[in-house]
Amino acid sequence: MVVVRNSLTLLYVEDDKDTRESLSEVLCSLVANVYVAKDGAEAFEIYKTQHVDFVISDFQMPNMNGNELCSAIKEINGDTHFVLLTAYNDTTLLTNAINAGVDRFLLKPINAKQLFSVVDEIKNKLFQKFQLDLACTYLHDAEKIANLFYWDYNLETKVMNFQTEALELFDLEQDMKDKLDYKLLSSMVIDEDKSKFLYIFERKIFEKDVIDEVIIIKNKKHEQKYLRIATSKWKSSVYGDMYVVGMFQDISRYEEQRLAILKYSQSDPVLHVDNKKTITLKLDNLIKSSIRYGHPVAALFFDIDDFKSINDNNGHLVADDILVELVELIKTNIRQSDNFGRWGGDEFIIITAHSSPDEDIKLAQKILKKVKENQWSNNINLTVSIGISFYEVGDDALSLINRADFEMLEAKKDGKNSYKY
């Protein structure tokens, strides 16, 4: 911030040589960078080619007087501070100067204390503006990093205004800014979230509660993005309480990371199928659904016959490859609606719903056949034994699985490579 304060630039304009030389020396002690011009025309050329923060100029000058110089400068940048030095205390002159955009007047002969006060006041104003502009720049950069885009909604006229950058989020052209409304945006919301999106802007937005929802959109490039919608109701001295300010935030990266972490926590780290905890939770939910709607639920519990000998004779690496191959084989031979997971070691479980006992038995027969006929690593001959249990009143996930486990052990007693239920 100190660098900004010390880098202020002043343009001083005076046609009288003696006054120009004496006062410019004083101004150089107050401001780090000072340009000096002998008339308005020369000053204007300097202003056009150099960065100037504020101007102190005499009024009566050849070629271009102080008022004319001020008007020309203000047309380029209306924020440039302009101090007019004049020996005339004429109302008409001062009125014309105000109309030209002059910010302050100093009467000649110049009072040093008054000059110092005016220069210091302008320096402080410019410094505060620099601070504000810098803060706004930091905020804008932070908003970009956070993928934040603002909008406001007039509850009376139902007109929405969008921050221009919001167009990028929806992959829309700049000329669409004035045509944007929530109905147009709703066309990009996926079907599952469309009713929630419309509820937010047609009903929820009119309530007093804060809104904080996440929906999924697909832009024109068919890119799927997770969009956070947050609003707050505020009362304005101008608009009363009829304005709602809100934001869109693209949280796709965060959501994808969260889902990846969630998936990792719910799956076996080696075989990338549901782990014991996850498959149990899914079975519990299916049982609750079965109790309510009456659809069947079944568990197929199986493990590899004589897997220990395979491990001992071929080593852990080959045994691990076998497990990976088995998982891929099972995944390609069950329905998409079936749930498949690792119970532990070489034990696996398939959870079915909405299928009859006959269909579950056929699935077990299919798995036995596919496993036996598959070409396994190191030409190993592989079979599995399967136990099947069907949901009965009073079952929970563990009781259903334990019964399937018991049936699997019975299948092994019968010679393996078989199923029991």
Protein backbone atom coordinates (compact mmCIF):
# COMPACT_ATOMS: atom_id res chain seq x y z
CA MET A 1 0.00 0.00 0.00
CA VAL A 2 2.88 2.39 0.70
CA VAL A 3 4.10 1.92 -2.85
CA VAL A 4 0.72 3.02 -4.16
CA ARG A 5 0.69 6.13 -1.96
CA ASN A 6 4.19 7.18 -3.04
CA SER A 7 3.56 6.61 -6.73
CA LEU A 8 0.89 9.30 -7.12
CA THR A 9 1.44 11.59 -10.11
CA LEU A 10 0.56 15.30 -10.27
CA LEU A 11 0.27 17.47 -13.38
CA TYR A 12 0.97 21.15 -12.58
CA VAL A 13 0.05 23.82 -15.18
CA GLU A 14 1.12 27.47 -14.95
CA ASP A 15 1.95 29.99 -17.70
CA ASP A 16 3.91 32.39 -15.48
CA LYS A 17 7.54 31.20 -15.43
CA ASP A 18 8.51 32.51 -11.98
CA THR A 19 5.36 31.16 -10.33
CA ARG A 20 5.72 27.86 -12.19
CA GLU A 21 9.31 27.34 -11.04
CA SER A 22 8.72 28.27 -7.39
CA LEU A 23 5.45 26.36 -6.92
CA SER A 24 6.60 23.27 -8.83
CA GLU A 25 9.52 23.00 -6.40
CA VAL A 26 7.08 23.02 -3.49
CA LEU A 27 4.81 20.45 -5.17
CA CYS A 28 7.78 18.11 -5.81
CA SER A 29 8.28 18.00 -2.04
CA LEU A 30 4.64 16.91 -1.57
CA VAL A 31 4.17 14.45 -4.45
CA ALA A 32 6.71 11.90 -5.73
CA ASN A 33 6.01 12.41 -9.46
CA VAL A 34 5.25 15.85 -10.88
CA TYR A 35 4.79 16.83 -14.54
CA VAL A 36 4.98 20.57 -15.31
CA ALA A 37 3.36 22.35 -18.29
CA LYS A 38 3.42 26.00 -19.34
CA ASP A 39 -0.12 26.07 -20.81
CA GLY A 40 -3.31 24.04 -21.18
CA ALA A 41 -2.48 22.64 -24.61
CA GLU A 42 0.88 21.27 -23.45
CA ALA A 43 -0.72 19.92 -20.28
CA PHE A 44 -3.40 18.09 -22.27
CA GLU A 45 -0.78 16.36 -24.44
CA ILE A 46 1.05 15.23 -21.30
CA TYR A 47 -2.22 13.97 -19.79
CA LYS A 48 -3.01 11.92 -22.90
CA THR A 49 0.40 10.19 -22.92
CA GLN A 50 1.20 9.83 -19.21
CA HIS A 51 -0.56 8.44 -16.16
CA VAL A 52 -1.82 11.39 -14.09
CA ASP A 53 -3.72 11.04 -10.82
CA PHE A 54 -4.62 14.71 -10.26
CA VAL A 55 -4.13 18.15 -11.81
CA ILE A 56 -3.42 21.60 -10.35
CA SER A 57 -3.85 24.27 -13.01
CA ASP A 58 -3.93 28.00 -13.39
CA PHE A 59 -7.10 29.43 -14.92
CA GLN A 60 -5.90 32.22 -17.20
CA MET A 61 -3.52 30.67 -19.81
CA PRO A 62 -2.90 30.98 -23.57
CA ASN A 63 -4.04 28.27 -26.05
CA MET A 64 -6.34 26.52 -23.54
CA ASN A 65 -7.52 27.97 -20.22
CA GLY A 66 -8.06 26.05 -17.01
CA ASN A 67 -11.79 25.41 -17.57
CA GLU A 68 -11.19 24.12 -21.10
CA LEU A 69 -8.38 21.86 -19.89
CA CYS A 70 -10.59 20.50 -17.12
CA SER A 71 -13.45 19.75 -19.56
CA ALA A 72 -11.08 17.93 -21.95
CA ILE A 73 -9.55 15.86 -19.14
CA LYS A 74 -12.90 14.97 -17.57
CA GLU A 75 -14.12 13.66 -20.92
CA ILE A 76 -11.26 11.14 -20.84
CA ASN A 77 -11.53 10.28 -17.15
CA GLY A 78 -14.16 11.89 -14.98
CA ASP A 79 -12.46 10.59 -11.80
CA THR A 80 -9.34 12.73 -12.27
CA HIS A 81 -9.16 15.31 -9.47
CA PHE A 82 -8.79 18.86 -10.79
CA VAL A 83 -7.77 21.90 -8.68
CA LEU A 84 -8.11 25.33 -10.29
CA LEU A 85 -5.87 28.25 -9.30
CA THR A 86 -7.35 31.66 -10.01
CA ALA A 87 -6.92 35.28 -9.04
CA TYR A 88 -10.55 36.00 -9.89
CA ASN A 89 -13.32 35.59 -7.34
CA ASP A 90 -16.07 35.93 -9.94
CA THR A 91 -19.34 34.02 -9.50
CA THR A 92 -19.80 33.40 -13.23
CA LEU A 93 -16.23 32.13 -13.60
CA LEU A 94 -16.63 29.81 -10.63
CA THR A 95 -19.97 28.54 -11.94
CA ASN A 96 -18.43 27.77 -15.32
CA ALA A 97 -15.55 26.04 -13.60
CA ILE A 98 -17.94 23.85 -11.60
CA ASN A 99 -19.78 22.98 -14.80
CA ALA A 100 -16.44 22.02 -16.36
CA GLY A 101 -15.88 19.57 -13.50
CA VAL A 102 -13.40 21.42 -11.28
CA ASP A 103 -13.23 19.76 -7.86
CA ARG A 104 -11.50 22.47 -5.79
CA PHE A 105 -10.52 26.16 -6.06
CA LEU A 106 -7.51 27.97 -4.66
CA LEU A 107 -7.33 31.74 -4.86
CA LYS A 108 -4.06 33.46 -5.80
CA PRO A 109 -1.81 34.39 -4.21
CA ILE A 110 -1.52 30.80 -3.00
CA ASN A 111 -1.61 30.24 0.74
CA ALA A 112 0.99 27.51 1.42
CA LYS A 113 -0.91 26.01 4.35
CA GLN A 114 -4.11 25.81 2.27
CA LEU A 115 -2.21 24.26 -0.66
CA PHE A 116 -0.65 21.61 1.58
CA SER A 117 -4.08 20.82 3.03
CA VAL A 118 -5.72 20.43 -0.41
CA VAL A 119 -2.90 18.25 -1.77
CA ASP A 120 -2.95 16.05 1.34
CA GLU A 121 -6.73 15.72 1.14
CA ILE A 122 -6.57 14.63 -2.53
CA LYS A 123 -3.73 12.19 -1.79
CA ASN A 124 -5.81 10.59 0.99
CA LYS A 125 -8.88 10.30 -1.26
CA LEU A 126 -6.81 8.71 -4.03
CA PHE A 127 -5.16 6.36 -1.55
CA GLN A 128 -8.57 5.28 -0.23
CA LYS A 129 -9.78 4.72 -3.79
CA PHE A 130 -6.69 2.65 -4.56
CA GLN A 131 -7.39 0.57 -1.45
CA LEU A 132 -11.02 0.08 -2.47
CA ASP A 133 -10.09 -0.80 -6.06
CA LEU A 134 -7.47 -3.25 -4.82
CA ALA A 135 -9.94 -4.84 -2.40
CA CYS A 136 -12.48 -5.16 -5.22
CA THR A 137 -9.83 -6.75 -7.43
CA TYR A 138 -8.93 -9.23 -4.69
CA LEU A 139 -12.61 -9.97 -4.13
CA HIS A 140 -13.23 -10.47 -7.85
CA ASP A 141 -10.22 -12.78 -8.10
CA ALA A 142 -11.40 -14.68 -5.03
CA GLU A 143 -14.87 -15.02 -6.56
CA LYS A 144 -13.32 -16.46 -9.70
CA ILE A 145 -11.29 -18.93 -7.66
CA ALA A 146 -14.43 -19.88 -5.73
CA ASN A 147 -16.53 -19.90 -8.95
CA LEU A 148 -19.07 -17.45 -7.51
CA PHE A 149 -21.58 -15.60 -9.71
CA TYR A 150 -24.14 -13.17 -8.34
CA TRP A 151 -27.70 -12.37 -9.33
CA ASP A 152 -30.62 -10.43 -7.88
CA TYR A 153 -34.36 -10.96 -8.14
CA ASN A 154 -37.09 -8.32 -7.86
CA LEU A 155 -40.00 -10.02 -6.10
CA GLU A 156 -42.48 -7.46 -7.49
CA THR A 157 -41.48 -7.40 -11.15
CA LYS A 158 -39.97 -10.95 -11.10
CA VAL A 159 -37.02 -9.64 -13.10
CA MET A 160 -33.61 -11.24 -12.56
CA ASN A 161 -30.27 -9.55 -13.19
CA PHE A 162 -27.14 -11.62 -13.62
CA GLN A 163 -23.46 -10.94 -13.15
CA THR A 164 -21.92 -11.16 -16.62
CA GLU A 165 -19.56 -13.95 -15.56
CA ALA A 166 -22.59 -16.15 -14.82
CA LEU A 167 -22.92 -16.60 -18.57
CA GLU A 168 -19.66 -18.56 -18.56
CA LEU A 169 -21.10 -21.04 -16.09
CA PHE A 170 -24.02 -21.78 -18.40
CA ASP A 171 -21.88 -21.55 -21.56
CA LEU A 172 -24.02 -18.74 -22.99
CA GLU A 173 -23.10 -15.87 -25.31
CA GLN A 174 -22.85 -12.28 -23.99
CA ASP A 175 -25.89 -11.19 -25.98
CA MET A 176 -28.01 -13.56 -23.87
CA LYS A 177 -27.46 -11.53 -20.68
CA ASP A 178 -30.67 -9.49 -21.02
CA LYS A 179 -32.67 -12.56 -22.02
CA LEU A 180 -31.64 -14.70 -19.05
CA ASP A 181 -34.30 -15.76 -16.59
CA TYR A 182 -34.79 -18.78 -14.38
CA LYS A 183 -37.07 -20.48 -16.93
CA LEU A 184 -34.33 -20.39 -19.57
CA LEU A 185 -31.81 -21.69 -17.05
CA SER A 186 -34.19 -24.48 -16.01
CA SER A 187 -33.83 -25.98 -19.49
CA MET A 188 -30.23 -26.84 -18.56
CA VAL A 189 -31.13 -28.53 -15.27
CA ILE A 190 -31.20 -32.34 -15.35
CA ASP A 191 -34.67 -33.86 -15.18
CA GLU A 192 -34.20 -35.18 -11.63
CA ASP A 193 -33.49 -31.67 -10.28
CA LYS A 194 -35.78 -29.58 -12.50
CA SER A 195 -38.74 -29.52 -10.11
CA LYS A 196 -36.46 -28.47 -7.22
CA PHE A 197 -34.95 -25.68 -9.34
CA LEU A 198 -38.36 -24.33 -10.37
CA TYR A 199 -39.62 -24.55 -6.78
CA ILE A 200 -36.71 -22.36 -5.65
CA PHE A 201 -37.49 -19.54 -8.11
CA GLU A 202 -41.28 -19.80 -8.18
CA ARG A 203 -42.02 -20.34 -4.50
CA LYS A 204 -39.07 -20.71 -2.15
CA ILE A 205 -37.52 -17.38 -3.13
CA PHE A 206 -40.62 -15.56 -1.83
CA GLU A 207 -40.23 -17.06 1.66
CA LYS A 208 -38.16 -15.64 4.50
CA ASP A 209 -35.87 -18.67 4.82
CA VAL A 210 -32.33 -18.71 3.47
CA ILE A 211 -31.91 -20.98 0.45
CA ASP A 212 -28.90 -23.26 0.07
CA GLU A 213 -29.43 -26.04 -2.48
CA VAL A 214 -27.33 -28.06 -4.93
CA ILE A 215 -28.59 -29.04 -8.38
CA ILE A 216 -26.96 -30.57 -11.45
CA ILE A 217 -26.96 -28.77 -14.80
CA LYS A 218 -25.76 -29.67 -18.27
CA ASN A 219 -24.57 -26.77 -20.39
CA LYS A 220 -24.63 -26.49 -24.19
CA LYS A 221 -21.43 -28.55 -24.37
CA HIS A 222 -23.23 -31.30 -22.39
CA GLU A 223 -20.78 -30.81 -19.53
CA GLN A 224 -22.34 -31.83 -16.22
CA LYS A 225 -21.82 -29.33 -13.40
CA TYR A 226 -22.87 -29.24 -9.77
CA LEU A 227 -24.43 -25.84 -9.05
CA ARG A 228 -24.95 -24.43 -5.57
CA ILE A 229 -27.81 -21.91 -5.29
CA ALA A 230 -27.76 -19.69 -2.20
CA THR A 231 -29.90 -16.65 -1.38
CA SER A 232 -30.45 -14.16 1.40
CA LYS A 233 -33.30 -11.71 1.81
CA TRP A 234 -32.22 -8.13 2.51
CA LYS A 235 -34.02 -4.84 3.02
CA SER A 236 -32.88 -1.85 0.96
CA SER A 237 -33.62 1.79 1.77
CA VAL A 238 -34.47 2.21 -1.93
CA TYR A 239 -36.29 -1.03 -2.77
CA GLY A 240 -37.63 -2.02 0.65
CA ASP A 241 -37.68 -5.75 1.26
CA MET A 242 -38.66 -6.72 -2.31
CA TYR A 243 -35.17 -7.68 -3.52
CA VAL A 244 -33.43 -11.01 -3.07
CA VAL A 245 -29.70 -11.27 -3.68
CA GLY A 246 -28.34 -14.69 -4.53
CA MET A 247 -25.42 -16.52 -5.98
CA PHE A 248 -24.58 -19.45 -8.19
CA GLN A 249 -21.45 -21.37 -7.29
CA ASP A 250 -19.87 -24.00 -9.48
CA ILE A 251 -18.90 -26.67 -6.93
CA SER A 252 -18.25 -29.40 -9.51
CA ARG A 253 -14.62 -29.95 -8.53
CA TYR A 254 -15.48 -30.16 -4.83
CA GLU A 255 -18.48 -32.43 -5.49
CA GLU A 256 -16.49 -34.77 -7.74
CA GLN A 257 -13.77 -35.02 -5.08
CA ARG A 258 -16.38 -35.63 -2.38
CA LEU A 259 -18.06 -38.36 -4.41
CA ALA A 260 -14.70 -39.94 -5.19
CA ILE A 261 -13.80 -39.97 -1.49
CA LEU A 262 -17.25 -41.31 -0.62
CA LYS A 263 -16.94 -44.04 -3.24
CA TYR A 264 -13.48 -44.93 -1.97
CA SER A 265 -14.75 -45.18 1.62
CA GLN A 266 -17.62 -47.40 0.51
CA SER A 267 -15.66 -49.77 -1.70
CA ASP A 268 -13.02 -52.44 -1.29
CA PRO A 269 -9.66 -50.69 -1.92
CA VAL A 270 -8.25 -53.62 -3.95
CA LEU A 271 -11.19 -54.93 -5.96
CA HIS A 272 -13.25 -51.69 -6.18
CA VAL A 273 -16.58 -53.26 -5.33
CA ASP A 274 -18.79 -52.50 -2.32
CA ASN A 275 -17.17 -53.31 1.00
CA LYS A 276 -18.84 -55.20 3.86
CA LYS A 277 -20.28 -52.08 5.49
CA THR A 278 -21.73 -50.70 2.27
CA ILE A 279 -23.29 -53.95 1.05
CA THR A 280 -24.90 -54.44 4.49
CA LEU A 281 -26.35 -50.91 4.41
CA LYS A 282 -27.73 -51.44 0.90
CA LEU A 283 -29.33 -54.72 1.96
CA ASP A 284 -30.91 -53.04 4.99
CA ASN A 285 -32.44 -50.38 2.70
CA LEU A 286 -33.75 -53.03 0.31
CA ILE A 287 -35.35 -54.92 3.20
CA LYS A 288 -37.09 -51.71 4.36
CA SER A 289 -38.33 -51.20 0.81
CA SER A 290 -39.50 -54.82 0.66
CA ILE A 291 -41.45 -54.44 3.89
CA ARG A 292 -43.21 -51.38 2.46
CA TYR A 293 -43.79 -52.46 -1.14
CA GLY A 294 -43.68 -56.25 -0.94
CA HIS A 295 -40.97 -56.97 -3.54
CA PRO A 296 -38.65 -59.97 -3.00
CA VAL A 297 -35.06 -59.66 -1.77
CA ALA A 298 -32.38 -62.37 -1.83
CA ALA A 299 -28.73 -62.85 -0.93
CA LEU A 300 -26.26 -65.07 -2.84
CA PHE A 301 -23.20 -65.73 -0.70
CA PHE A 302 -20.21 -67.49 -2.28
CA ASP A 303 -16.51 -68.10 -2.00
CA ILE A 304 -13.79 -69.85 -4.01
CA ASP A 305 -13.42 -73.56 -3.41
CA ASP A 306 -10.02 -74.47 -1.92
CA PHE A 307 -8.73 -70.92 -2.32
CA LYS A 308 -6.09 -71.50 0.39
CA SER A 309 -4.38 -74.17 -1.69
CA ILE A 310 -4.41 -71.86 -4.73
CA ASN A 311 -2.74 -69.21 -2.59
CA ASP A 312 -0.18 -71.64 -1.12
CA ASN A 313 0.74 -73.28 -4.43
CA ASN A 314 0.81 -70.19 -6.66
CA GLY A 315 1.60 -67.28 -4.35
CA HIS A 316 -0.28 -64.16 -3.29
CA LEU A 317 0.18 -62.28 -6.57
CA VAL A 318 -1.51 -65.01 -8.61
CA ALA A 319 -4.22 -65.36 -5.97
CA ASP A 320 -4.86 -61.59 -6.12
CA ASP A 321 -5.09 -61.76 -9.93
CA ILE A 322 -7.67 -64.54 -9.56
CA LEU A 323 -9.79 -62.35 -7.28
CA VAL A 324 -9.61 -59.45 -9.74
CA GLU A 325 -10.62 -61.72 -12.64
CA LEU A 326 -13.46 -63.21 -10.57
CA VAL A 327 -14.86 -59.77 -9.73
CA GLU A 328 -14.85 -58.74 -13.41
CA LEU A 329 -16.54 -62.02 -14.37
CA ILE A 330 -19.31 -61.58 -11.80
CA LYS A 331 -19.89 -57.91 -12.70
CA THR A 332 -20.47 -58.82 -16.36
CA ASN A 333 -22.96 -61.59 -15.46
CA ILE A 334 -25.31 -59.84 -13.04
CA ARG A 335 -27.97 -57.22 -13.64
CA GLN A 336 -27.21 -53.53 -13.31
CA SER A 337 -29.76 -53.37 -10.50
CA ASP A 338 -28.02 -56.12 -8.50
CA ASN A 339 -25.63 -55.15 -5.70
CA PHE A 340 -22.26 -56.90 -5.55
CA GLY A 341 -19.64 -56.66 -2.84
CA ARG A 342 -16.75 -58.32 -1.05
CA TRP A 343 -17.55 -59.73 2.38
CA GLY A 344 -13.94 -60.52 3.18
CA GLY A 345 -11.03 -62.60 1.86
CA ASP A 346 -12.41 -64.68 -1.02
CA GLU A 347 -16.03 -64.34 0.19
CA PHE A 348 -18.47 -62.34 -1.91
CA ILE A 349 -22.15 -61.48 -1.85
CA ILE A 350 -24.75 -60.58 -4.47
CA ILE A 351 -27.96 -58.85 -3.35
CA THR A 352 -30.95 -59.08 -5.67
CA ALA A 353 -34.33 -57.37 -5.53
CA HIS A 354 -37.45 -57.57 -7.70
CA SER A 355 -36.46 -61.02 -8.93
CA SER A 356 -38.21 -64.33 -8.20
CA PRO A 357 -36.57 -67.27 -6.36
CA ASP A 358 -36.39 -69.12 -9.70
CA GLU A 359 -34.47 -66.21 -11.24
CA ASP A 360 -32.07 -66.14 -8.28
CA ILE A 361 -31.44 -69.89 -8.64
CA LYS A 362 -30.80 -69.46 -12.37
CA LEU A 363 -28.32 -66.71 -11.54
CA ALA A 364 -26.48 -69.06 -9.16
CA GLN A 365 -26.39 -71.76 -11.86
CA LYS A 366 -25.08 -69.25 -14.40
CA ILE A 367 -22.27 -68.13 -12.07
CA LEU A 368 -21.23 -71.73 -11.36
CA LYS A 369 -21.03 -72.44 -15.09
CA LYS A 370 -19.19 -69.22 -16.01
CA VAL A 371 -16.62 -69.68 -13.22
CA LYS A 372 -15.88 -73.29 -14.09
CA GLU A 373 -15.52 -72.63 -17.83
CA ASN A 374 -13.42 -69.45 -17.55
CA GLN A 375 -9.73 -69.47 -18.49
CA TRP A 376 -8.01 -68.38 -15.28
CA SER A 377 -4.47 -67.13 -14.69
CA ASN A 378 -1.78 -69.86 -14.64
CA ASN A 379 -4.40 -72.24 -16.10
CA ILE A 380 -5.87 -72.73 -12.66
CA ASN A 381 -9.12 -74.69 -12.42
CA LEU A 382 -11.56 -72.66 -10.35
CA THR A 383 -14.98 -73.31 -8.86
CA VAL A 384 -17.17 -71.62 -6.28
CA SER A 385 -19.85 -72.70 -3.84
CA ILE A 386 -23.00 -70.56 -3.44
CA GLY A 387 -25.57 -70.24 -0.68
CA ILE A 388 -28.91 -68.53 -1.37
CA SER A 389 -31.31 -67.05 1.17
CA PHE A 390 -34.64 -65.37 0.49
CA TYR A 391 -36.08 -62.60 2.64
CA GLU A 392 -38.49 -63.78 5.33
CA VAL A 393 -40.58 -61.70 7.71
CA GLY A 394 -38.43 -60.61 10.62
CA ASP A 395 -35.14 -60.74 8.70
CA ASP A 396 -32.57 -58.00 8.88
CA ALA A 397 -29.47 -57.74 6.72
CA LEU A 398 -27.25 -59.88 8.95
CA SER A 399 -29.79 -62.65 9.48
CA LEU A 400 -30.35 -62.91 5.72
CA ILE A 401 -26.59 -63.00 5.03
CA ASN A 402 -25.89 -65.47 7.83
CA ARG A 403 -28.50 -67.85 6.40
CA ALA A 404 -26.93 -67.56 2.95
CA ASP A 405 -23.50 -68.23 4.51
CA PHE A 406 -24.86 -71.35 6.18
CA GLU A 407 -26.31 -72.59 2.88
CA MET A 408 -22.93 -72.02 1.20
CA LEU A 409 -21.24 -74.24 3.78
CA GLU A 410 -23.87 -76.89 3.09
CA ALA A 411 -23.03 -76.66 -0.63
CA LYS A 412 -19.36 -77.29 0.19
CA LYS A 413 -20.30 -80.36 2.22
CA ASP A 414 -22.12 -81.68 -0.86
CA GLY A 415 -18.89 -81.63 -2.89
CA LYS A 416 -18.43 -77.95 -3.80
CA ASN A 417 -19.08 -76.31 -7.19
CA SER A 418 -22.77 -76.27 -6.28
CA TYR A 419 -25.46 -74.13 -4.66
CA LYS A 420 -27.89 -74.59 -1.80
CA TYR A 421 -30.93 -72.63 -0.58
